[in-house]
Amino acid sequence: MQTNINSNSGADSHILFDRASALDIAAFVTAGIDLSPGDAIPSDGDSRIDRALAGFLFTCGPDHIRHPEPVEGRDDGTRYPLHGSLAGTPVSRTEMSPDGLRCSALTEVDLACGGRAAIERVWEVDGNGAGVMLKDRVVNIGASAFAPMMMYHMNIAGRLLGDETRIESATVEGGSLAWRFGEGESAHFCRTAVAGEDRWAEVSLSALPGLHGRALHVRFLTETLPFLQMWRCQRGAANVVSIEPASHRLAKRVDLSAGGELDLLEPGQSHDYALAFGVA
């Protein structure tokens, strides 16, 4: 499925949805250039994630984010899978509005902990071409409670970045950070997001030479996504940078549980998440 974004900035765009993976975004093309990294990604040996990481946006959760860890209360070795259970799950139902500006989807997913969840997803394109908004509702449709966790990976091809490219956000020290942060071939950070009065945080990758100097702007609702994680990998053939709004800080599940940070979602209850992005 595809929708177009008609912008007044001279950067007309389209996005390609992946119905085989929760209606994530397989490609985001603007000014004729796909921001997605494609094959320039590292592999963790999970085919679901290799496919998802090659696209522009994929969703971690709703039961786990980051690397595999044991399922609480189980002694049979069951582990949460890499980046949670949602990736690679086909949508159950989709609907596109006649004008192509709104697309909704329902995805039902079996969780590693034995529960079941529904992701009610809505993509909306601003009629004036200002950008794209995602609204997710995670609903517990199972018979037992689980701790919802969500993280959104927005993956950008490293070939589009240059020495002049900066990470611009109130969340980073001084408001601006070189995109090649940290040391070595790969690095990441996770920080409490600094939000405005509307509870939305912002982060941009500015001056992308591979995108004719344009910038990618991302906003996310900190009420349920209170952390900004970023990751980069320039190792071998891999060359990718990722903007990753997250529901939880970078810590093991046992530490999050000890800190009272794994709130349970009871059957029938739901949590809402939202983010938006655009190129200008």
C-alpha atoms as a PDB file:
ATOM      1  CA  MET A   1       0.000   0.000   0.000  1.00  0.00           C
ATOM      2  CA  GLN A   2       1.233   3.477  -0.873  1.00  0.00           C
ATOM      3  CA  THR A   3       0.182   7.039  -0.157  1.00  0.00           C
ATOM      4  CA  ASN A   4       1.465  10.343  -1.521  1.00  0.00           C
ATOM      5  CA  ILE A   5       2.467  13.487   0.371  1.00  0.00           C
ATOM      6  CA  ASN A   6       2.011  16.612  -1.739  1.00  0.00           C
ATOM      7  CA  SER A   7       4.245  19.273  -0.195  1.00  0.00           C
ATOM      8  CA  ASN A   8       4.660  22.956  -0.962  1.00  0.00           C
ATOM      9  CA  SER A   9       8.386  22.713  -0.156  1.00  0.00           C
ATOM     10  CA  GLY A  10       9.388  21.136  -3.453  1.00  0.00           C
ATOM     11  CA  ALA A  11       9.968  17.771  -1.754  1.00  0.00           C
ATOM     12  CA  ASP A  12       6.923  15.768  -2.843  1.00  0.00           C
ATOM     13  CA  SER A  13       7.014  12.381  -1.159  1.00  0.00           C
ATOM     14  CA  HIS A  14       5.370   8.995  -0.919  1.00  0.00           C
ATOM     15  CA  ILE A  15       5.412   6.257   1.670  1.00  0.00           C
ATOM     16  CA  LEU A  16       5.116   2.515   1.070  1.00  0.00           C
ATOM     17  CA  PHE A  17       3.357   0.579   3.815  1.00  0.00           C
ATOM     18  CA  ASP A  18       4.314  -2.980   4.721  1.00  0.00           C
ATOM     19  CA  ARG A  19       1.125  -4.993   5.227  1.00  0.00           C
ATOM     20  CA  ALA A  20       3.219  -8.058   6.083  1.00  0.00           C
ATOM     21  CA  SER A  21       4.617  -6.279   9.140  1.00  0.00           C
ATOM     22  CA  ALA A  22       1.963  -4.380  11.106  1.00  0.00           C
ATOM     23  CA  LEU A  23       1.659  -1.622   8.456  1.00  0.00           C
ATOM     24  CA  ASP A  24       5.128  -0.290   9.234  1.00  0.00           C
ATOM     25  CA  ILE A  25       6.850   1.815   6.542  1.00  0.00           C
ATOM     26  CA  ALA A  26       8.969  -0.104   4.047  1.00  0.00           C
ATOM     27  CA  ALA A  27      10.066   3.033   2.151  1.00  0.00           C
ATOM     28  CA  PHE A  28       9.854   6.810   2.531  1.00  0.00           C
ATOM     29  CA  VAL A  29      10.730   8.559  -0.706  1.00  0.00           C
ATOM     30  CA  THR A  30      11.068  12.336  -0.892  1.00  0.00           C
ATOM     31  CA  ALA A  31      12.419  14.429  -3.766  1.00  0.00           C
ATOM     32  CA  GLY A  32      12.969  11.118  -5.548  1.00  0.00           C
ATOM     33  CA  ILE A  33      15.241   9.757  -2.790  1.00  0.00           C
ATOM     34  CA  ASP A  34      14.447   6.885  -0.431  1.00  0.00           C
ATOM     35  CA  LEU A  35      15.532   7.655   3.135  1.00  0.00           C
ATOM     36  CA  SER A  36      15.453   3.952   4.066  1.00  0.00           C
ATOM     37  CA  PRO A  37      18.795   2.150   4.540  1.00  0.00           C
ATOM     38  CA  GLY A  38      17.856  -0.908   2.490  1.00  0.00           C
ATOM     39  CA  ASP A  39      20.591  -3.546   2.531  1.00  0.00           C
ATOM     40  CA  ALA A  40      23.040  -1.266   4.406  1.00  0.00           C
ATOM     41  CA  ILE A  41      22.134  -2.720   7.814  1.00  0.00           C
ATOM     42  CA  PRO A  42      23.783  -5.108  10.293  1.00  0.00           C
ATOM     43  CA  SER A  43      22.147  -8.484  10.882  1.00  0.00           C
ATOM     44  CA  ASP A  44      21.320  -9.909  14.307  1.00  0.00           C
ATOM     45  CA  GLY A  45      20.311 -13.229  12.787  1.00  0.00           C
ATOM     46  CA  ASP A  46      16.549 -12.621  13.058  1.00  0.00           C
ATOM     47  CA  SER A  47      14.964 -12.495   9.593  1.00  0.00           C
ATOM     48  CA  ARG A  48      11.975 -10.511  10.902  1.00  0.00           C
ATOM     49  CA  ILE A  49      14.238  -7.731  12.101  1.00  0.00           C
ATOM     50  CA  ASP A  50      16.550  -7.814   9.089  1.00  0.00           C
ATOM     51  CA  ARG A  51      13.523  -7.126   6.894  1.00  0.00           C
ATOM     52  CA  ALA A  52      12.094  -4.492   9.233  1.00  0.00           C
ATOM     53  CA  LEU A  53      15.385  -2.655   9.778  1.00  0.00           C
ATOM     54  CA  ALA A  54      15.840  -2.226   6.029  1.00  0.00           C
ATOM     55  CA  GLY A  55      12.677  -0.091   5.945  1.00  0.00           C
ATOM     56  CA  PHE A  56      12.115   3.460   7.147  1.00  0.00           C
ATOM     57  CA  LEU A  57      10.036   2.662  10.251  1.00  0.00           C
ATOM     58  CA  PHE A  58       9.392  -0.458  12.256  1.00  0.00           C
ATOM     59  CA  THR A  59       7.766  -0.985  15.608  1.00  0.00           C
ATOM     60  CA  CYS A  60       9.233  -2.771  18.637  1.00  0.00           C
ATOM     61  CA  GLY A  61       6.802  -4.216  21.143  1.00  0.00           C
ATOM     62  CA  PRO A  62       4.161  -4.402  22.343  1.00  0.00           C
ATOM     63  CA  ASP A  63       5.564  -6.807  24.939  1.00  0.00           C
ATOM     64  CA  HIS A  64       9.306  -6.112  24.688  1.00  0.00           C
ATOM     65  CA  ILE A  65      11.857  -3.772  23.127  1.00  0.00           C
ATOM     66  CA  ARG A  66      15.575  -4.225  22.458  1.00  0.00           C
ATOM     67  CA  HIS A  67      17.431  -7.558  22.788  1.00  0.00           C
ATOM     68  CA  PRO A  68      16.010 -10.913  23.973  1.00  0.00           C
ATOM     69  CA  GLU A  69      15.452 -11.467  27.688  1.00  0.00           C
ATOM     70  CA  PRO A  70      13.782 -14.258  29.724  1.00  0.00           C
ATOM     71  CA  VAL A  71      10.015 -14.099  30.190  1.00  0.00           C
ATOM     72  CA  GLU A  72       9.252 -13.325  33.824  1.00  0.00           C
ATOM     73  CA  GLY A  73       7.909 -16.202  35.898  1.00  0.00           C
ATOM     74  CA  ARG A  74       8.875 -18.873  33.366  1.00  0.00           C
ATOM     75  CA  ASP A  75      11.467 -21.565  34.023  1.00  0.00           C
ATOM     76  CA  ASP A  76      11.332 -23.230  30.601  1.00  0.00           C
ATOM     77  CA  GLY A  77      13.825 -20.889  28.934  1.00  0.00           C
ATOM     78  CA  THR A  78      11.186 -18.900  27.012  1.00  0.00           C
ATOM     79  CA  ARG A  79      12.555 -15.523  25.961  1.00  0.00           C
ATOM     80  CA  TYR A  80      11.079 -12.365  24.516  1.00  0.00           C
ATOM     81  CA  PRO A  81      12.267 -12.179  20.899  1.00  0.00           C
ATOM     82  CA  LEU A  82      14.541  -9.485  19.505  1.00  0.00           C
ATOM     83  CA  HIS A  83      12.577  -6.197  19.528  1.00  0.00           C
ATOM     84  CA  GLY A  84       9.383  -7.875  20.711  1.00  0.00           C
ATOM     85  CA  SER A  85       6.652  -9.921  19.090  1.00  0.00           C
ATOM     86  CA  LEU A  86       5.068  -7.451  16.634  1.00  0.00           C
ATOM     87  CA  ALA A  87       7.639  -7.246  13.823  1.00  0.00           C
ATOM     88  CA  GLY A  88       6.770  -9.542  10.948  1.00  0.00           C
ATOM     89  CA  THR A  89       3.107  -9.878  11.982  1.00  0.00           C
ATOM     90  CA  PRO A  90       0.719  -9.339   9.029  1.00  0.00           C
ATOM     91  CA  VAL A  91      -2.130  -6.875   9.465  1.00  0.00           C
ATOM     92  CA  SER A  92      -5.588  -8.339   9.989  1.00  0.00           C
ATOM     93  CA  ARG A  93      -7.474  -5.494   8.317  1.00  0.00           C
ATOM     94  CA  THR A  94      -6.630  -2.239   6.515  1.00  0.00           C
ATOM     95  CA  GLU A  95      -8.658   0.644   5.144  1.00  0.00           C
ATOM     96  CA  MET A  96      -7.529   3.613   3.014  1.00  0.00           C
ATOM     97  CA  SER A  97      -9.605   6.784   2.776  1.00  0.00           C
ATOM     98  CA  PRO A  98     -10.764   7.802  -0.736  1.00  0.00           C
ATOM     99  CA  ASP A  99      -8.393  10.797  -0.766  1.00  0.00           C
ATOM    100  CA  GLY A 100      -5.416   8.654   0.315  1.00  0.00           C
ATOM    101  CA  LEU A 101      -4.700  10.861   3.334  1.00  0.00           C
ATOM    102  CA  ARG A 102      -5.711   8.364   6.019  1.00  0.00           C
ATOM    103  CA  CYS A 103      -4.914   4.693   6.393  1.00  0.00           C
ATOM    104  CA  SER A 104      -6.002   2.526   9.312  1.00  0.00           C
ATOM    105  CA  ALA A 105      -5.043  -1.011  10.238  1.00  0.00           C
ATOM    106  CA  LEU A 106      -5.710  -3.637  12.863  1.00  0.00           C
ATOM    107  CA  THR A 107      -2.978  -6.095  13.791  1.00  0.00           C
ATOM    108  CA  GLU A 108      -3.482  -8.865  16.342  1.00  0.00           C
ATOM    109  CA  VAL A 109      -0.347 -10.410  17.785  1.00  0.00           C
ATOM    110  CA  ASP A 110       0.430 -13.345  20.082  1.00  0.00           C
ATOM    111  CA  LEU A 111       2.813 -12.230  22.817  1.00  0.00           C
ATOM    112  CA  ALA A 112       5.839 -14.151  24.064  1.00  0.00           C
ATOM    113  CA  CYS A 113       4.419 -14.132  27.576  1.00  0.00           C
ATOM    114  CA  GLY A 114       1.304 -15.994  26.431  1.00  0.00           C
ATOM    115  CA  GLY A 115      -1.017 -12.996  26.134  1.00  0.00           C
ATOM    116  CA  ARG A 116      -2.547 -11.359  23.107  1.00  0.00           C
ATOM    117  CA  ALA A 117      -2.719  -7.743  21.973  1.00  0.00           C
ATOM    118  CA  ALA A 118      -4.292  -5.683  19.215  1.00  0.00           C
ATOM    119  CA  ILE A 119      -2.594  -2.679  17.638  1.00  0.00           C
ATOM    120  CA  GLU A 120      -5.143  -0.220  16.260  1.00  0.00           C
ATOM    121  CA  ARG A 121      -3.047   1.907  13.913  1.00  0.00           C
ATOM    122  CA  VAL A 122      -3.885   5.111  12.044  1.00  0.00           C
ATOM    123  CA  TRP A 123      -1.602   6.904   9.580  1.00  0.00           C
ATOM    124  CA  GLU A 124      -2.647  10.431   8.590  1.00  0.00           C
ATOM    125  CA  VAL A 125      -1.079  12.757   6.018  1.00  0.00           C
ATOM    126  CA  ASP A 126      -1.447  16.479   6.606  1.00  0.00           C
ATOM    127  CA  GLY A 127      -3.609  17.866   3.813  1.00  0.00           C
ATOM    128  CA  ASN A 128      -1.170  20.766   3.370  1.00  0.00           C
ATOM    129  CA  GLY A 129       1.789  18.424   2.982  1.00  0.00           C
ATOM    130  CA  ALA A 130       3.339  19.269   6.359  1.00  0.00           C
ATOM    131  CA  GLY A 131       4.053  15.672   7.270  1.00  0.00           C
ATOM    132  CA  VAL A 132       2.769  12.311   8.439  1.00  0.00           C
ATOM    133  CA  MET A 133       1.300  11.369  11.819  1.00  0.00           C
ATOM    134  CA  LEU A 134       1.040   7.922  13.385  1.00  0.00           C
ATOM    135  CA  LYS A 135      -1.433   7.123  16.152  1.00  0.00           C
ATOM    136  CA  ASP A 136      -1.310   3.695  17.784  1.00  0.00           C
ATOM    137  CA  ARG A 137      -3.576   2.184  20.381  1.00  0.00           C
ATOM    138  CA  VAL A 138      -2.336  -1.017  22.043  1.00  0.00           C
ATOM    139  CA  VAL A 139      -5.222  -3.025  23.506  1.00  0.00           C
ATOM    140  CA  ASN A 140      -4.919  -6.078  25.734  1.00  0.00           C
ATOM    141  CA  ILE A 141      -7.270  -8.595  24.082  1.00  0.00           C
ATOM    142  CA  GLY A 142      -5.886 -11.552  26.005  1.00  0.00           C
ATOM    143  CA  ALA A 143      -6.909 -13.191  29.255  1.00  0.00           C
ATOM    144  CA  SER A 144      -3.938 -12.018  31.337  1.00  0.00           C
ATOM    145  CA  ALA A 145      -2.140  -8.779  32.080  1.00  0.00           C
ATOM    146  CA  PHE A 146       1.139  -7.828  30.391  1.00  0.00           C
ATOM    147  CA  ALA A 147       3.580  -4.920  30.589  1.00  0.00           C
ATOM    148  CA  PRO A 148       3.326  -2.879  27.364  1.00  0.00           C
ATOM    149  CA  MET A 149       6.586  -1.640  25.861  1.00  0.00           C
ATOM    150  CA  MET A 150       6.922   0.258  22.569  1.00  0.00           C
ATOM    151  CA  MET A 151       9.784   1.726  20.564  1.00  0.00           C
ATOM    152  CA  TYR A 152       9.683   3.131  17.038  1.00  0.00           C
ATOM    153  CA  HIS A 153      12.783   2.801  14.850  1.00  0.00           C
ATOM    154  CA  MET A 154      13.013   5.461  12.138  1.00  0.00           C
ATOM    155  CA  ASN A 155      15.923   4.253  10.028  1.00  0.00           C
ATOM    156  CA  ILE A 156      17.855   6.644   7.790  1.00  0.00           C
ATOM    157  CA  ALA A 157      20.447   5.651   5.217  1.00  0.00           C
ATOM    158  CA  GLY A 158      23.855   6.838   6.438  1.00  0.00           C
ATOM    159  CA  ARG A 159      24.870   7.633   2.844  1.00  0.00           C
ATOM    160  CA  LEU A 160      22.551  10.665   3.002  1.00  0.00           C
ATOM    161  CA  LEU A 161      24.458  12.246   5.917  1.00  0.00           C
ATOM    162  CA  GLY A 162      27.600  14.358   5.765  1.00  0.00           C
ATOM    163  CA  ASP A 163      30.038  16.168   8.025  1.00  0.00           C
ATOM    164  CA  GLU A 164      27.594  19.080   8.267  1.00  0.00           C
ATOM    165  CA  THR A 165      24.675  16.920   9.455  1.00  0.00           C
ATOM    166  CA  ARG A 166      23.622  17.515  13.062  1.00  0.00           C
ATOM    167  CA  ILE A 167      21.153  16.054  15.543  1.00  0.00           C
ATOM    168  CA  GLU A 168      19.073  19.034  16.681  1.00  0.00           C
ATOM    169  CA  SER A 169      16.959  18.580  19.827  1.00  0.00           C
ATOM    170  CA  ALA A 170      16.400  20.094  23.253  1.00  0.00           C
ATOM    171  CA  THR A 171      17.026  16.553  24.529  1.00  0.00           C
ATOM    172  CA  VAL A 172      20.739  16.602  23.615  1.00  0.00           C
ATOM    173  CA  GLU A 173      23.260  18.715  25.512  1.00  0.00           C
ATOM    174  CA  GLY A 174      23.516  22.191  24.027  1.00  0.00           C
ATOM    175  CA  GLY A 175      20.654  21.437  21.649  1.00  0.00           C
ATOM    176  CA  SER A 176      22.912  20.124  18.880  1.00  0.00           C
ATOM    177  CA  LEU A 177      25.081  17.042  18.463  1.00  0.00           C
ATOM    178  CA  ALA A 178      27.235  15.694  15.637  1.00  0.00           C
ATOM    179  CA  TRP A 179      25.476  12.718  14.048  1.00  0.00           C
ATOM    180  CA  ARG A 180      28.595  10.546  14.396  1.00  0.00           C
ATOM    181  CA  PHE A 181      28.319  10.559  18.186  1.00  0.00           C
ATOM    182  CA  GLY A 182      30.131   8.164  20.484  1.00  0.00           C
ATOM    183  CA  GLU A 183      33.192   6.140  19.580  1.00  0.00           C
ATOM    184  CA  GLY A 184      33.870   3.323  17.171  1.00  0.00           C
ATOM    185  CA  GLU A 185      31.791   1.874  14.361  1.00  0.00           C
ATOM    186  CA  SER A 186      28.549   1.747  16.329  1.00  0.00           C
ATOM    187  CA  ALA A 187      27.088   3.775  19.192  1.00  0.00           C
ATOM    188  CA  HIS A 188      23.785   4.580  20.860  1.00  0.00           C
ATOM    189  CA  PHE A 189      22.305   6.694  23.637  1.00  0.00           C
ATOM    190  CA  CYS A 190      18.971   6.884  25.450  1.00  0.00           C
ATOM    191  CA  ARG A 191      17.895  10.049  27.261  1.00  0.00           C
ATOM    192  CA  THR A 192      14.771  11.392  28.900  1.00  0.00           C
ATOM    193  CA  ALA A 193      13.067  13.421  26.190  1.00  0.00           C
ATOM    194  CA  VAL A 194      12.643  17.160  26.758  1.00  0.00           C
ATOM    195  CA  ALA A 195       9.088  18.101  25.788  1.00  0.00           C
ATOM    196  CA  GLY A 196       7.271  21.372  25.227  1.00  0.00           C
ATOM    197  CA  GLU A 197       4.093  22.468  26.952  1.00  0.00           C
ATOM    198  CA  ASP A 198       2.116  20.244  24.583  1.00  0.00           C
ATOM    199  CA  ARG A 199       4.042  17.175  25.881  1.00  0.00           C
ATOM    200  CA  TRP A 200       5.581  16.573  22.448  1.00  0.00           C
ATOM    201  CA  ALA A 201       9.354  16.299  22.034  1.00  0.00           C
ATOM    202  CA  GLU A 202      11.212  17.115  18.817  1.00  0.00           C
ATOM    203  CA  VAL A 203      14.397  15.902  17.140  1.00  0.00           C
ATOM    204  CA  SER A 204      15.785  16.660  13.680  1.00  0.00           C
ATOM    205  CA  LEU A 205      18.566  15.482  11.409  1.00  0.00           C
ATOM    206  CA  SER A 206      19.520  18.737   9.733  1.00  0.00           C
ATOM    207  CA  ALA A 207      21.346  19.543   6.523  1.00  0.00           C
ATOM    208  CA  LEU A 208      21.333  16.146   4.844  1.00  0.00           C
ATOM    209  CA  PRO A 209      23.572  16.567   1.764  1.00  0.00           C
ATOM    210  CA  GLY A 210      22.146  13.417   0.187  1.00  0.00           C
ATOM    211  CA  LEU A 211      18.692  14.987   0.444  1.00  0.00           C
ATOM    212  CA  HIS A 212      19.663  18.299  -1.179  1.00  0.00           C
ATOM    213  CA  GLY A 213      20.318  19.905   2.220  1.00  0.00           C
ATOM    214  CA  ARG A 214      16.844  19.212   3.582  1.00  0.00           C
ATOM    215  CA  ALA A 215      16.162  18.112   7.161  1.00  0.00           C
ATOM    216  CA  LEU A 216      14.139  15.260   8.649  1.00  0.00           C
ATOM    217  CA  HIS A 217      11.950  16.428  11.535  1.00  0.00           C
ATOM    218  CA  VAL A 218      10.429  14.014  14.070  1.00  0.00           C
ATOM    219  CA  ARG A 219       7.985  14.695  16.915  1.00  0.00           C
ATOM    220  CA  PHE A 220       6.624  12.250  19.500  1.00  0.00           C
ATOM    221  CA  LEU A 221       4.221  12.298  22.435  1.00  0.00           C
ATOM    222  CA  THR A 222       6.201  11.916  25.657  1.00  0.00           C
ATOM    223  CA  GLU A 223       3.216  10.886  27.751  1.00  0.00           C
ATOM    224  CA  THR A 224       3.817   7.294  26.647  1.00  0.00           C
ATOM    225  CA  LEU A 225       7.148   7.711  24.797  1.00  0.00           C
ATOM    226  CA  PRO A 226       9.221   9.581  27.397  1.00  0.00           C
ATOM    227  CA  PHE A 227      12.662   8.599  26.048  1.00  0.00           C
ATOM    228  CA  LEU A 228      14.677   9.464  22.962  1.00  0.00           C
ATOM    229  CA  GLN A 229      17.034   6.698  21.910  1.00  0.00           C
ATOM    230  CA  MET A 230      19.375   7.084  18.938  1.00  0.00           C
ATOM    231  CA  TRP A 231      21.604   4.515  17.287  1.00  0.00           C
ATOM    232  CA  ARG A 232      24.115   4.548  14.488  1.00  0.00           C
ATOM    233  CA  CYS A 233      26.091   1.768  12.809  1.00  0.00           C
ATOM    234  CA  GLN A 234      28.883   2.261  10.258  1.00  0.00           C
ATOM    235  CA  ARG A 235      30.389  -1.207  10.217  1.00  0.00           C
ATOM    236  CA  GLY A 236      31.428  -3.004   7.062  1.00  0.00           C
ATOM    237  CA  ALA A 237      28.627  -2.610   4.527  1.00  0.00           C
ATOM    238  CA  ALA A 238      26.234  -1.331   7.217  1.00  0.00           C
ATOM    239  CA  ASN A 239      25.550   2.416   7.241  1.00  0.00           C
ATOM    240  CA  VAL A 240      22.432   3.433   9.138  1.00  0.00           C
ATOM    241  CA  VAL A 241      21.257   6.009  11.686  1.00  0.00           C
ATOM    242  CA  SER A 242      18.054   5.528  13.675  1.00  0.00           C
ATOM    243  CA  ILE A 243      15.789   7.866  15.653  1.00  0.00           C
ATOM    244  CA  GLU A 244      13.974   5.769  18.260  1.00  0.00           C
ATOM    245  CA  PRO A 245      11.281   7.229  20.556  1.00  0.00           C
ATOM    246  CA  ALA A 246      10.846   4.696  23.364  1.00  0.00           C
ATOM    247  CA  SER A 247       8.538   3.903  26.238  1.00  0.00           C
ATOM    248  CA  HIS A 248      11.306   2.761  28.605  1.00  0.00           C
ATOM    249  CA  ARG A 249      14.861   3.696  29.464  1.00  0.00           C
ATOM    250  CA  LEU A 250      17.765   1.531  28.350  1.00  0.00           C
ATOM    251  CA  ALA A 251      17.870  -1.110  31.090  1.00  0.00           C
ATOM    252  CA  LYS A 252      17.245  -4.816  31.663  1.00  0.00           C
ATOM    253  CA  ARG A 253      13.685  -5.886  32.373  1.00  0.00           C
ATOM    254  CA  VAL A 254      14.611  -7.020  35.877  1.00  0.00           C
ATOM    255  CA  ASP A 255      15.901  -3.500  36.630  1.00  0.00           C
ATOM    256  CA  LEU A 256      12.830  -1.855  35.115  1.00  0.00           C
ATOM    257  CA  SER A 257      10.605  -4.117  37.192  1.00  0.00           C
ATOM    258  CA  ALA A 258      12.555  -3.343  40.370  1.00  0.00           C
ATOM    259  CA  GLY A 259      12.091   0.364  39.640  1.00  0.00           C
ATOM    260  CA  GLY A 260       8.332  -0.008  39.227  1.00  0.00           C
ATOM    261  CA  GLU A 261       8.590   0.886  35.529  1.00  0.00           C
ATOM    262  CA  LEU A 262       6.782  -2.139  34.061  1.00  0.00           C
ATOM    263  CA  ASP A 263       3.161  -1.117  34.594  1.00  0.00           C
ATOM    264  CA  LEU A 264       0.670  -3.843  33.756  1.00  0.00           C
ATOM    265  CA  LEU A 265      -2.037  -3.522  31.127  1.00  0.00           C
ATOM    266  CA  GLU A 266      -5.050  -5.515  32.268  1.00  0.00           C
ATOM    267  CA  PRO A 267      -7.393  -7.310  29.835  1.00  0.00           C
ATOM    268  CA  GLY A 268      -9.514  -4.728  28.009  1.00  0.00           C
ATOM    269  CA  GLN A 269      -7.236  -1.818  28.883  1.00  0.00           C
ATOM    270  CA  SER A 270      -5.266   0.214  26.318  1.00  0.00           C
ATOM    271  CA  HIS A 271      -2.366   2.655  25.899  1.00  0.00           C
ATOM    272  CA  ASP A 272      -2.040   5.309  23.185  1.00  0.00           C
ATOM    273  CA  TYR A 273       1.147   6.354  21.360  1.00  0.00           C
ATOM    274  CA  ALA A 274       1.785   9.026  18.731  1.00  0.00           C
ATOM    275  CA  LEU A 275       4.565  10.403  16.578  1.00  0.00           C
ATOM    276  CA  ALA A 276       4.934  12.517  13.444  1.00  0.00           C
ATOM    277  CA  PHE A 277       7.619  13.139  10.847  1.00  0.00           C
ATOM    278  CA  GLY A 278       8.274  15.221   7.769  1.00  0.00           C
ATOM    279  CA  VAL A 279      11.002  16.622   5.495  1.00  0.00           C
ATOM    280  CA  ALA A 280      11.551  20.330   4.995  1.00  0.00           C
END
